[in-house]
Amino acid sequence: MLGSCSKRKWAACARRWRGGRAARIGQDNLLWKPPGAKALGFHQDDSYCSWAVPSGFVTCWMALDDTSAAGGTIEYARGSHRWGRFPPLGEFHAPDDYRDALRQAAASVGARVELVPIEVPAGGCAFHAGGTWHGSDVNRGSQPRRSLVTHCLSSVARFHPTEVSYIYSRYRRVGDTTMDESFFPFLWTRSGYRTPFLVTYH
């Protein structure tokens, strides 16, 4: 799914995909790939979401620069969200072969790999389900490739009672699996509620 992206449109899409009554932020990233920067290994976002229940992301990748295949844009493996969830495979940052884990996963389910580079102008975006295999090649262009990424969780997500994330479990209160809105704010709800402090982020 590609196109221009408003905050409310993105949040509404994430809410519908997750099948809940709202979408909340689970993780966000700012990515900067200057010319010559190395590849990012193919992976599934959901492989890194075992700390939440229900587990699973819906992601919006937002381009801050015009993107191209030569510039190391994000690449999707078409239909790979249907292959099932895999544990983390191979190297994530700057692997020698950034498609190796993808080929392993495809071979294990007898799937053919068809790659789709996301080439959009600055301000364009792409949405993907957390089971979609994706990665990016070396930036062989002359311009940086910057992007913002927001991973959304279900509105009813809670911390897993036993699975620990070395990053996100530090936001869990002792003896409580609820997610604090201060750290996992609501982007959109059917009732119109939105975490108040997000209003200042325009």
N, C-alpha and C. Protein backbone atom coordinates (compact mmCIF):
# COMPACT_ATOMS: atom_id res chain seq x y z
N MET A 1 0.85 -1.17 0.00
CA MET A 1 0.00 0.00 0.00
C MET A 1 0.90 1.23 0.00
N LEU A 2 0.77 2.08 -1.01
CA LEU A 2 1.61 3.25 -1.15
C LEU A 2 0.76 4.50 -1.26
N GLY A 3 1.39 5.65 -0.99
CA GLY A 3 0.68 6.90 -1.19
C GLY A 3 1.13 7.96 -0.22
N SER A 4 0.55 9.16 -0.36
CA SER A 4 0.84 10.21 0.59
C SER A 4 0.23 9.84 1.92
N CYS A 5 0.77 10.40 3.00
CA CYS A 5 0.41 9.91 4.32
C CYS A 5 0.07 11.04 5.27
N SER A 6 -1.16 11.10 5.73
CA SER A 6 -1.49 11.97 6.85
C SER A 6 -1.45 11.14 8.11
N LYS A 7 -1.19 11.79 9.25
CA LYS A 7 -1.10 11.06 10.51
C LYS A 7 -2.39 10.31 10.81
N ARG A 8 -3.52 10.96 10.60
CA ARG A 8 -4.79 10.32 10.93
C ARG A 8 -5.10 9.17 9.97
N LYS A 9 -4.78 9.36 8.68
CA LYS A 9 -5.03 8.28 7.72
C LYS A 9 -4.19 7.06 8.07
N TRP A 10 -2.91 7.28 8.40
CA TRP A 10 -2.02 6.17 8.76
C TRP A 10 -2.53 5.46 9.99
N ALA A 11 -2.92 6.23 11.01
CA ALA A 11 -3.39 5.61 12.25
C ALA A 11 -4.66 4.79 12.01
N ALA A 12 -5.56 5.31 11.18
CA ALA A 12 -6.80 4.59 10.89
C ALA A 12 -6.51 3.29 10.14
N CYS A 13 -5.55 3.33 9.20
CA CYS A 13 -5.17 2.11 8.48
C CYS A 13 -4.60 1.08 9.44
N ALA A 14 -3.73 1.52 10.33
CA ALA A 14 -3.12 0.60 11.29
C ALA A 14 -4.18 -0.01 12.18
N ARG A 15 -5.13 0.78 12.62
CA ARG A 15 -6.20 0.28 13.48
C ARG A 15 -7.01 -0.80 12.76
N ARG A 16 -7.34 -0.58 11.48
CA ARG A 16 -8.13 -1.55 10.75
C ARG A 16 -7.33 -2.84 10.53
N TRP A 17 -6.06 -2.71 10.19
CA TRP A 17 -5.24 -3.89 9.94
C TRP A 17 -5.10 -4.75 11.18
N ARG A 18 -4.95 -4.14 12.33
CA ARG A 18 -4.76 -4.90 13.56
C ARG A 18 -6.08 -5.44 14.08
N GLY A 19 -7.21 -4.99 13.50
CA GLY A 19 -8.50 -5.53 13.90
C GLY A 19 -8.96 -5.05 15.25
N GLY A 20 -8.37 -4.00 15.77
CA GLY A 20 -8.76 -3.47 17.06
C GLY A 20 -9.58 -2.21 16.93
N ARG A 21 -9.83 -1.59 18.06
CA ARG A 21 -10.61 -0.36 18.07
C ARG A 21 -9.70 0.86 18.08
N ALA A 22 -8.40 0.64 18.10
CA ALA A 22 -7.45 1.75 18.13
C ALA A 22 -6.08 1.24 17.74
N ALA A 23 -5.17 2.17 17.47
CA ALA A 23 -3.78 1.84 17.17
C ALA A 23 -2.89 2.63 18.12
N ARG A 24 -1.88 1.98 18.65
CA ARG A 24 -0.95 2.66 19.54
C ARG A 24 0.48 2.45 19.04
N ILE A 25 1.36 3.39 19.33
CA ILE A 25 2.75 3.29 18.91
C ILE A 25 3.47 2.26 19.76
N GLY A 26 4.12 1.32 19.09
CA GLY A 26 4.94 0.36 19.80
C GLY A 26 6.42 0.69 19.71
N GLN A 27 6.81 1.27 18.57
CA GLN A 27 8.22 1.58 18.34
C GLN A 27 8.29 2.59 17.20
N ASP A 28 9.26 3.48 17.26
CA ASP A 28 9.50 4.37 16.12
C ASP A 28 11.00 4.51 15.89
N ASN A 29 11.35 4.80 14.64
CA ASN A 29 12.76 4.90 14.24
C ASN A 29 12.96 6.06 13.29
N LEU A 30 14.12 6.66 13.34
CA LEU A 30 14.59 7.60 12.33
C LEU A 30 15.79 6.94 11.67
N LEU A 31 15.71 6.72 10.36
CA LEU A 31 16.77 6.03 9.63
C LEU A 31 17.46 6.99 8.67
N TRP A 32 18.77 6.96 8.66
CA TRP A 32 19.56 7.84 7.79
C TRP A 32 20.62 6.98 7.11
N LYS A 33 20.47 6.84 5.80
CA LYS A 33 21.42 6.04 5.03
C LYS A 33 22.15 6.95 4.05
N PRO A 34 23.34 7.46 4.41
CA PRO A 34 24.09 8.34 3.51
C PRO A 34 24.67 7.54 2.34
N PRO A 35 25.15 8.22 1.30
CA PRO A 35 25.76 7.50 0.18
C PRO A 35 26.86 6.56 0.67
N GLY A 36 26.83 5.34 0.17
CA GLY A 36 27.84 4.36 0.56
C GLY A 36 27.48 3.56 1.79
N ALA A 37 26.40 3.94 2.51
CA ALA A 37 26.02 3.21 3.72
C ALA A 37 25.64 1.77 3.37
N LYS A 38 25.93 0.87 4.30
CA LYS A 38 25.76 -0.56 4.04
C LYS A 38 24.30 -1.00 4.09
N ALA A 39 24.11 -2.27 3.79
CA ALA A 39 22.77 -2.85 3.68
C ALA A 39 22.17 -3.16 5.05
N LEU A 40 20.86 -3.32 5.06
CA LEU A 40 20.12 -3.80 6.22
C LEU A 40 19.52 -5.15 5.85
N GLY A 41 19.82 -6.17 6.64
CA GLY A 41 19.40 -7.52 6.32
C GLY A 41 17.89 -7.69 6.27
N PHE A 42 17.43 -8.55 5.39
CA PHE A 42 15.99 -8.85 5.32
C PHE A 42 15.53 -9.48 6.62
N HIS A 43 14.32 -9.09 7.05
CA HIS A 43 13.77 -9.54 8.32
C HIS A 43 12.28 -9.33 8.34
N GLN A 44 11.63 -9.85 9.37
CA GLN A 44 10.23 -9.58 9.67
C GLN A 44 10.16 -8.77 10.96
N ASP A 45 9.40 -7.70 10.98
CA ASP A 45 9.26 -6.92 12.22
C ASP A 45 8.68 -7.77 13.34
N ASP A 46 7.76 -8.66 13.00
CA ASP A 46 7.10 -9.48 14.02
C ASP A 46 8.05 -10.44 14.73
N SER A 47 9.22 -10.70 14.13
CA SER A 47 10.20 -11.56 14.79
C SER A 47 10.72 -10.93 16.07
N TYR A 48 10.54 -9.62 16.19
CA TYR A 48 11.06 -8.88 17.34
C TYR A 48 9.93 -8.34 18.22
N CYS A 49 8.77 -8.99 18.18
CA CYS A 49 7.60 -8.50 18.91
C CYS A 49 7.04 -9.52 19.89
N SER A 50 7.85 -10.48 20.32
CA SER A 50 7.34 -11.51 21.23
C SER A 50 7.07 -10.97 22.63
N TRP A 51 7.51 -9.76 22.91
CA TRP A 51 7.33 -9.16 24.24
C TRP A 51 5.93 -8.59 24.43
N ALA A 52 5.10 -8.57 23.37
CA ALA A 52 3.75 -8.01 23.45
C ALA A 52 2.70 -9.08 23.18
N VAL A 53 1.53 -8.93 23.80
CA VAL A 53 0.39 -9.82 23.60
C VAL A 53 -0.87 -8.99 23.37
N PRO A 54 -1.58 -9.09 22.23
CA PRO A 54 -1.20 -9.92 21.08
C PRO A 54 0.05 -9.38 20.42
N SER A 55 0.81 -10.29 19.86
CA SER A 55 2.08 -9.94 19.25
C SER A 55 1.87 -9.58 17.78
N GLY A 56 2.57 -8.56 17.31
CA GLY A 56 2.48 -8.21 15.90
C GLY A 56 2.39 -6.73 15.66
N PHE A 57 3.08 -6.28 14.62
CA PHE A 57 3.13 -4.87 14.25
C PHE A 57 2.40 -4.62 12.93
N VAL A 58 1.97 -3.39 12.74
CA VAL A 58 1.67 -2.83 11.43
C VAL A 58 2.58 -1.61 11.31
N THR A 59 3.30 -1.51 10.21
CA THR A 59 4.36 -0.51 10.09
C THR A 59 4.09 0.46 8.96
N CYS A 60 4.40 1.72 9.23
CA CYS A 60 4.39 2.76 8.19
C CYS A 60 5.82 3.26 8.01
N TRP A 61 6.33 3.14 6.80
CA TRP A 61 7.66 3.61 6.44
C TRP A 61 7.47 4.88 5.61
N MET A 62 8.00 6.00 6.10
CA MET A 62 7.75 7.31 5.49
C MET A 62 9.05 7.89 4.94
N ALA A 63 9.10 8.15 3.65
CA ALA A 63 10.32 8.66 3.02
C ALA A 63 10.46 10.16 3.24
N LEU A 64 11.64 10.59 3.66
CA LEU A 64 11.95 12.02 3.80
C LEU A 64 12.73 12.55 2.61
N ASP A 65 13.21 11.63 1.78
CA ASP A 65 13.91 11.98 0.54
C ASP A 65 13.30 11.17 -0.60
N ASP A 66 13.45 11.66 -1.84
CA ASP A 66 13.07 10.84 -2.98
C ASP A 66 13.84 9.53 -2.92
N THR A 67 13.18 8.42 -3.18
CA THR A 67 13.85 7.12 -3.05
C THR A 67 13.99 6.44 -4.40
N SER A 68 15.00 5.57 -4.48
CA SER A 68 15.24 4.80 -5.70
C SER A 68 15.88 3.48 -5.30
N ALA A 69 15.80 2.51 -6.20
CA ALA A 69 16.43 1.21 -5.93
C ALA A 69 17.93 1.37 -5.75
N ALA A 70 18.55 2.23 -6.56
CA ALA A 70 19.99 2.44 -6.46
C ALA A 70 20.37 3.15 -5.16
N GLY A 71 19.43 3.88 -4.59
CA GLY A 71 19.71 4.63 -3.37
C GLY A 71 19.48 3.85 -2.10
N GLY A 72 19.28 2.55 -2.20
CA GLY A 72 19.12 1.72 -1.01
C GLY A 72 17.77 1.85 -0.35
N THR A 73 16.73 2.02 -1.17
CA THR A 73 15.39 2.12 -0.59
C THR A 73 14.95 0.79 0.02
N ILE A 74 13.89 0.82 0.81
CA ILE A 74 13.34 -0.40 1.39
C ILE A 74 12.81 -1.30 0.27
N GLU A 75 13.00 -2.60 0.43
CA GLU A 75 12.51 -3.58 -0.53
C GLU A 75 11.59 -4.55 0.21
N TYR A 76 10.48 -4.90 -0.44
CA TYR A 76 9.55 -5.90 0.10
C TYR A 76 9.65 -7.17 -0.73
N ALA A 77 9.44 -8.30 -0.06
CA ALA A 77 9.28 -9.58 -0.78
C ALA A 77 7.78 -9.80 -0.93
N ARG A 78 7.31 -9.71 -2.16
CA ARG A 78 5.87 -9.78 -2.42
C ARG A 78 5.26 -11.08 -1.87
N GLY A 79 4.17 -10.93 -1.11
CA GLY A 79 3.44 -12.07 -0.59
C GLY A 79 4.08 -12.76 0.61
N SER A 80 5.21 -12.24 1.09
CA SER A 80 5.94 -12.95 2.15
C SER A 80 5.24 -12.89 3.51
N HIS A 81 4.25 -12.02 3.65
CA HIS A 81 3.50 -11.98 4.91
C HIS A 81 2.67 -13.25 5.11
N ARG A 82 2.54 -14.06 4.04
CA ARG A 82 1.78 -15.32 4.13
C ARG A 82 2.67 -16.51 4.47
N TRP A 83 3.96 -16.30 4.65
CA TRP A 83 4.87 -17.43 4.88
C TRP A 83 4.91 -17.89 6.33
N GLY A 84 4.30 -17.16 7.23
CA GLY A 84 4.40 -17.47 8.65
C GLY A 84 5.50 -16.67 9.31
N ARG A 85 5.50 -16.71 10.63
CA ARG A 85 6.50 -15.95 11.39
C ARG A 85 7.74 -16.81 11.64
N PHE A 86 8.90 -16.19 11.47
CA PHE A 86 10.18 -16.86 11.68
C PHE A 86 10.91 -16.21 12.85
N PRO A 87 11.78 -16.96 13.51
CA PRO A 87 12.67 -16.33 14.50
C PRO A 87 13.68 -15.46 13.75
N PRO A 88 14.36 -14.56 14.43
CA PRO A 88 15.39 -13.76 13.75
C PRO A 88 16.41 -14.67 13.06
N LEU A 89 16.69 -14.38 11.80
CA LEU A 89 17.62 -15.18 11.02
C LEU A 89 18.78 -14.31 10.54
N GLY A 90 19.99 -14.79 10.69
CA GLY A 90 21.14 -14.12 10.13
C GLY A 90 21.45 -12.78 10.78
N GLU A 91 22.30 -12.01 10.10
CA GLU A 91 22.74 -10.71 10.59
C GLU A 91 21.74 -9.63 10.17
N PHE A 92 21.57 -8.65 11.05
CA PHE A 92 20.60 -7.58 10.79
C PHE A 92 21.29 -6.36 10.19
N HIS A 93 22.35 -5.88 10.84
CA HIS A 93 23.03 -4.66 10.39
C HIS A 93 24.27 -5.00 9.56
N ALA A 94 24.32 -4.46 8.34
CA ALA A 94 25.48 -4.57 7.44
C ALA A 94 25.94 -6.01 7.20
N PRO A 95 25.03 -6.92 6.88
CA PRO A 95 25.46 -8.29 6.58
C PRO A 95 26.18 -8.35 5.23
N ASP A 96 27.00 -9.39 5.05
CA ASP A 96 27.67 -9.56 3.76
C ASP A 96 26.66 -9.82 2.65
N ASP A 97 25.60 -10.56 2.97
CA ASP A 97 24.54 -10.86 2.00
C ASP A 97 23.21 -10.51 2.67
N TYR A 98 22.67 -9.36 2.34
CA TYR A 98 21.49 -8.88 3.05
C TYR A 98 20.22 -9.64 2.70
N ARG A 99 20.25 -10.49 1.67
CA ARG A 99 19.08 -11.28 1.29
C ARG A 99 19.17 -12.75 1.74
N ASP A 100 20.21 -13.10 2.46
CA ASP A 100 20.42 -14.50 2.83
C ASP A 100 19.28 -15.05 3.67
N ALA A 101 18.88 -14.34 4.71
CA ALA A 101 17.79 -14.82 5.58
C ALA A 101 16.49 -14.95 4.79
N LEU A 102 16.26 -14.02 3.87
CA LEU A 102 15.06 -14.08 3.04
C LEU A 102 15.05 -15.36 2.21
N ARG A 103 16.17 -15.70 1.61
CA ARG A 103 16.23 -16.91 0.79
C ARG A 103 16.02 -18.16 1.65
N GLN A 104 16.58 -18.15 2.86
CA GLN A 104 16.37 -19.29 3.76
C GLN A 104 14.88 -19.46 4.08
N ALA A 105 14.22 -18.36 4.39
CA ALA A 105 12.81 -18.42 4.74
C ALA A 105 11.97 -18.90 3.56
N ALA A 106 12.25 -18.35 2.38
CA ALA A 106 11.50 -18.72 1.19
C ALA A 106 11.68 -20.21 0.87
N ALA A 107 12.90 -20.69 0.97
CA ALA A 107 13.18 -22.09 0.67
C ALA A 107 12.45 -23.02 1.63
N SER A 108 12.33 -22.60 2.89
CA SER A 108 11.70 -23.46 3.90
C SER A 108 10.21 -23.64 3.66
N VAL A 109 9.59 -22.72 2.93
CA VAL A 109 8.15 -22.84 2.65
C VAL A 109 7.88 -23.06 1.17
N GLY A 110 8.94 -23.24 0.38
CA GLY A 110 8.78 -23.49 -1.04
C GLY A 110 8.25 -22.31 -1.82
N ALA A 111 8.61 -21.10 -1.39
CA ALA A 111 8.11 -19.89 -2.04
C ALA A 111 9.14 -19.31 -3.00
N ARG A 112 8.63 -18.60 -3.99
CA ARG A 112 9.49 -17.88 -4.94
C ARG A 112 9.65 -16.45 -4.45
N VAL A 113 10.86 -15.92 -4.52
CA VAL A 113 11.13 -14.56 -4.06
C VAL A 113 10.92 -13.57 -5.19
N GLU A 114 10.05 -12.61 -4.95
CA GLU A 114 9.84 -11.50 -5.89
C GLU A 114 9.99 -10.20 -5.11
N LEU A 115 11.01 -9.43 -5.44
CA LEU A 115 11.32 -8.22 -4.68
C LEU A 115 10.68 -6.99 -5.30
N VAL A 116 10.23 -6.08 -4.45
CA VAL A 116 9.60 -4.84 -4.89
C VAL A 116 10.31 -3.67 -4.19
N PRO A 117 11.16 -2.92 -4.91
CA PRO A 117 11.77 -1.74 -4.30
C PRO A 117 10.74 -0.61 -4.21
N ILE A 118 10.69 0.07 -3.08
CA ILE A 118 9.71 1.14 -2.87
C ILE A 118 10.32 2.46 -3.33
N GLU A 119 9.92 2.88 -4.51
CA GLU A 119 10.42 4.12 -5.10
C GLU A 119 9.31 5.16 -5.05
N VAL A 120 9.43 6.10 -4.11
CA VAL A 120 8.42 7.13 -3.90
C VAL A 120 9.11 8.47 -3.72
N PRO A 121 8.40 9.59 -3.97
CA PRO A 121 8.98 10.90 -3.70
C PRO A 121 9.02 11.17 -2.20
N ALA A 122 9.77 12.17 -1.81
CA ALA A 122 9.79 12.59 -0.41
C ALA A 122 8.36 12.88 0.03
N GLY A 123 7.99 12.37 1.19
CA GLY A 123 6.62 12.52 1.67
C GLY A 123 5.75 11.32 1.35
N GLY A 124 6.22 10.42 0.49
CA GLY A 124 5.49 9.20 0.20
C GLY A 124 5.70 8.20 1.31
N CYS A 125 4.89 7.16 1.31
CA CYS A 125 5.01 6.17 2.38
C CYS A 125 4.59 4.80 1.89
N ALA A 126 4.92 3.80 2.69
CA ALA A 126 4.51 2.43 2.43
C ALA A 126 4.09 1.81 3.75
N PHE A 127 3.03 1.00 3.71
CA PHE A 127 2.55 0.27 4.88
C PHE A 127 2.86 -1.21 4.69
N HIS A 128 3.24 -1.86 5.78
CA HIS A 128 3.38 -3.32 5.67
C HIS A 128 3.00 -4.01 6.96
N ALA A 129 2.47 -5.22 6.81
CA ALA A 129 2.17 -6.07 7.95
C ALA A 129 3.48 -6.57 8.54
N GLY A 130 3.46 -6.87 9.84
CA GLY A 130 4.69 -7.23 10.52
C GLY A 130 5.33 -8.51 10.05
N GLY A 131 4.59 -9.35 9.32
CA GLY A 131 5.15 -10.58 8.79
C GLY A 131 5.81 -10.42 7.44
N THR A 132 5.79 -9.23 6.88
CA THR A 132 6.37 -8.99 5.55
C THR A 132 7.89 -8.93 5.63
N TRP A 133 8.54 -9.74 4.81
CA TRP A 133 10.00 -9.70 4.75
C TRP A 133 10.45 -8.45 4.01
N HIS A 134 11.39 -7.71 4.59
CA HIS A 134 11.88 -6.48 3.98
C HIS A 134 13.31 -6.20 4.43
N GLY A 135 14.01 -5.43 3.63
CA GLY A 135 15.39 -5.04 3.92
C GLY A 135 15.79 -3.96 2.95
N SER A 136 17.07 -3.59 2.93
CA SER A 136 17.53 -2.56 1.99
C SER A 136 18.99 -2.77 1.64
N ASP A 137 19.31 -2.47 0.42
CA ASP A 137 20.66 -2.65 -0.12
C ASP A 137 21.54 -1.46 0.24
N VAL A 138 22.80 -1.54 -0.16
CA VAL A 138 23.74 -0.43 -0.02
C VAL A 138 23.20 0.79 -0.77
N ASN A 139 23.41 1.99 -0.23
CA ASN A 139 23.05 3.22 -0.95
C ASN A 139 24.14 3.51 -1.97
N ARG A 140 23.86 3.19 -3.23
CA ARG A 140 24.82 3.40 -4.31
C ARG A 140 24.58 4.74 -5.02
N GLY A 141 23.67 5.54 -4.50
CA GLY A 141 23.39 6.84 -5.09
C GLY A 141 24.28 7.93 -4.51
N SER A 142 23.98 9.16 -4.87
CA SER A 142 24.77 10.31 -4.42
C SER A 142 24.05 11.14 -3.36
N GLN A 143 22.83 10.73 -3.00
CA GLN A 143 22.04 11.47 -2.02
C GLN A 143 21.71 10.58 -0.83
N PRO A 144 21.51 11.18 0.34
CA PRO A 144 21.12 10.37 1.50
C PRO A 144 19.71 9.82 1.34
N ARG A 145 19.42 8.74 2.04
CA ARG A 145 18.08 8.19 2.08
C ARG A 145 17.62 8.18 3.53
N ARG A 146 16.76 9.15 3.85
CA ARG A 146 16.27 9.29 5.22
C ARG A 146 14.79 8.89 5.27
N SER A 147 14.41 8.30 6.38
CA SER A 147 13.02 7.88 6.53
C SER A 147 12.63 7.82 8.00
N LEU A 148 11.32 7.95 8.23
CA LEU A 148 10.74 7.76 9.55
C LEU A 148 9.93 6.47 9.52
N VAL A 149 9.99 5.72 10.60
CA VAL A 149 9.27 4.44 10.67
C VAL A 149 8.47 4.40 11.97
N THR A 150 7.19 4.05 11.86
CA THR A 150 6.35 3.87 13.04
C THR A 150 5.76 2.48 13.01
N HIS A 151 6.01 1.72 14.08
CA HIS A 151 5.46 0.37 14.23
C HIS A 151 4.30 0.46 15.22
N CYS A 152 3.12 0.05 14.80
CA CYS A 152 1.94 0.12 15.66
C CYS A 152 1.55 -1.24 16.20
N LEU A 153 1.12 -1.22 17.46
CA LEU A 153 0.58 -2.40 18.13
C LEU A 153 -0.94 -2.30 18.21
N SER A 154 -1.57 -3.41 18.51
CA SER A 154 -3.00 -3.40 18.79
C SER A 154 -3.28 -2.53 20.00
N SER A 155 -4.45 -1.92 20.01
CA SER A 155 -4.84 -1.08 21.13
C SER A 155 -4.93 -1.86 22.43
N VAL A 156 -5.16 -3.16 22.34
CA VAL A 156 -5.32 -3.97 23.55
C VAL A 156 -4.04 -4.70 23.94
N ALA A 157 -2.94 -4.38 23.29
CA ALA A 157 -1.67 -5.05 23.57
C ALA A 157 -1.23 -4.82 25.02
N ARG A 158 -0.66 -5.87 25.60
CA ARG A 158 -0.08 -5.82 26.94
C ARG A 158 1.30 -6.44 26.88
N PHE A 159 2.09 -6.24 27.91
CA PHE A 159 3.38 -6.91 27.98
C PHE A 159 3.17 -8.41 28.18
N HIS A 160 4.00 -9.19 27.52
CA HIS A 160 3.96 -10.64 27.73
C HIS A 160 4.38 -10.92 29.17
N PRO A 161 3.70 -11.84 29.85
CA PRO A 161 4.01 -12.06 31.27
C PRO A 161 5.39 -12.64 31.53
N THR A 162 5.98 -13.33 30.53
CA THR A 162 7.30 -13.95 30.77
C THR A 162 8.35 -13.56 29.74
N GLU A 163 7.96 -13.24 28.51
CA GLU A 163 8.94 -12.86 27.49
C GLU A 163 9.48 -11.47 27.79
N VAL A 164 10.79 -11.34 27.81
CA VAL A 164 11.43 -10.08 28.18
C VAL A 164 12.14 -9.48 26.98
N SER A 165 11.90 -8.21 26.73
CA SER A 165 12.64 -7.44 25.74
C SER A 165 13.67 -6.59 26.47
N TYR A 166 14.93 -6.68 26.03
CA TYR A 166 15.96 -5.90 26.72
C TYR A 166 15.75 -4.40 26.52
N ILE A 167 14.94 -4.03 25.54
CA ILE A 167 14.63 -2.62 25.32
C ILE A 167 13.29 -2.25 25.96
N TYR A 168 12.22 -2.93 25.57
CA TYR A 168 10.87 -2.46 25.90
C TYR A 168 10.37 -2.90 27.27
N SER A 169 10.91 -3.98 27.79
CA SER A 169 10.45 -4.42 29.11
C SER A 169 10.88 -3.46 30.22
N ARG A 170 11.79 -2.57 29.95
CA ARG A 170 12.17 -1.57 30.96
C ARG A 170 11.04 -0.58 31.21
N TYR A 171 10.04 -0.55 30.33
CA TYR A 171 8.89 0.33 30.50
C TYR A 171 7.72 -0.38 31.21
N ARG A 172 7.95 -1.59 31.64
CA ARG A 172 6.91 -2.34 32.33
C ARG A 172 7.01 -2.15 33.84
N ARG A 173 5.87 -1.90 34.46
CA ARG A 173 5.84 -1.77 35.92
C ARG A 173 5.83 -3.16 36.56
N VAL A 174 6.41 -3.29 37.73
CA VAL A 174 6.48 -4.56 38.44
C VAL A 174 5.07 -5.07 38.73
N GLY A 175 4.82 -6.33 38.36
CA GLY A 175 3.54 -6.96 38.64
C GLY A 175 2.39 -6.44 37.81
N ASP A 176 2.67 -5.77 36.69
CA ASP A 176 1.62 -5.15 35.88
C ASP A 176 1.99 -5.29 34.41
N THR A 177 1.11 -5.90 33.61
CA THR A 177 1.40 -6.09 32.19
C THR A 177 0.80 -5.02 31.30
N THR A 178 0.11 -4.03 31.88
CA THR A 178 -0.46 -2.97 31.06
C THR A 178 0.63 -2.06 30.51
N MET A 179 0.37 -1.47 29.34
CA MET A 179 1.32 -0.57 28.71
C MET A 179 0.95 0.87 29.04
N ASP A 180 1.92 1.61 29.57
CA ASP A 180 1.69 2.99 29.96
C ASP A 180 1.55 3.86 28.71
N GLU A 181 0.50 4.65 28.69
CA GLU A 181 0.23 5.52 27.54
C GLU A 181 1.33 6.56 27.32
N SER A 182 2.09 6.85 28.35
CA SER A 182 3.20 7.80 28.21
C SER A 182 4.26 7.30 27.26
N PHE A 183 4.40 5.98 27.17
CA PHE A 183 5.44 5.37 26.34
C PHE A 183 4.88 4.68 25.10
N PHE A 184 3.61 4.29 25.15
CA PHE A 184 2.95 3.61 24.04
C PHE A 184 1.64 4.34 23.75
N PRO A 185 1.73 5.56 23.22
CA PRO A 185 0.53 6.41 23.08
C PRO A 185 -0.42 5.92 22.00
N PHE A 186 -1.70 6.29 22.17
CA PHE A 186 -2.72 5.99 21.18
C PHE A 186 -2.67 7.01 20.05
N LEU A 187 -2.55 6.53 18.82
CA LEU A 187 -2.58 7.40 17.65
C LEU A 187 -4.01 7.73 17.23
N TRP A 188 -4.88 6.74 17.37
CA TRP A 188 -6.24 6.89 16.86
C TRP A 188 -7.14 5.91 17.59
N THR A 189 -8.35 6.35 17.90
CA THR A 189 -9.36 5.44 18.43
C THR A 189 -10.68 5.72 17.74
N ARG A 190 -11.54 4.72 17.72
CA ARG A 190 -12.83 4.87 17.07
C ARG A 190 -13.66 5.97 17.75
N SER A 191 -13.47 6.14 19.04
CA SER A 191 -14.22 7.17 19.77
C SER A 191 -13.69 8.58 19.52
N GLY A 192 -12.53 8.67 18.86
CA GLY A 192 -11.93 9.98 18.61
C GLY A 192 -10.84 10.36 19.59
N TYR A 193 -10.63 9.52 20.61
CA TYR A 193 -9.59 9.82 21.59
C TYR A 193 -8.21 9.61 21.00
N ARG A 194 -7.30 10.50 21.37
CA ARG A 194 -5.91 10.41 20.98
C ARG A 194 -5.08 10.85 22.18
N THR A 195 -3.97 10.20 22.43
CA THR A 195 -3.15 10.59 23.57
C THR A 195 -2.84 12.08 23.49
N PRO A 196 -3.22 12.85 24.51
CA PRO A 196 -3.18 14.32 24.42
C PRO A 196 -1.83 14.91 24.01
N PHE A 197 -0.70 14.36 24.51
CA PHE A 197 0.57 15.02 24.22
C PHE A 197 0.97 14.91 22.75
N LEU A 198 0.34 14.00 21.98
CA LEU A 198 0.64 13.88 20.55
C LEU A 198 0.22 15.10 19.76
N VAL A 199 -0.72 15.86 20.30
CA VAL A 199 -1.21 17.06 19.61
C VAL A 199 -0.07 18.04 19.35
N THR A 200 0.93 18.03 20.22
CA THR A 200 2.05 18.97 20.08
C THR A 200 3.04 18.55 18.99
N TYR A 201 2.90 17.33 18.47
CA TYR A 201 3.84 16.83 17.45
C TYR A 201 3.27 17.07 16.07
N HIS A 202 3.46 18.25 15.55
CA HIS A 202 2.97 18.59 14.21
C HIS A 202 4.11 19.10 13.35
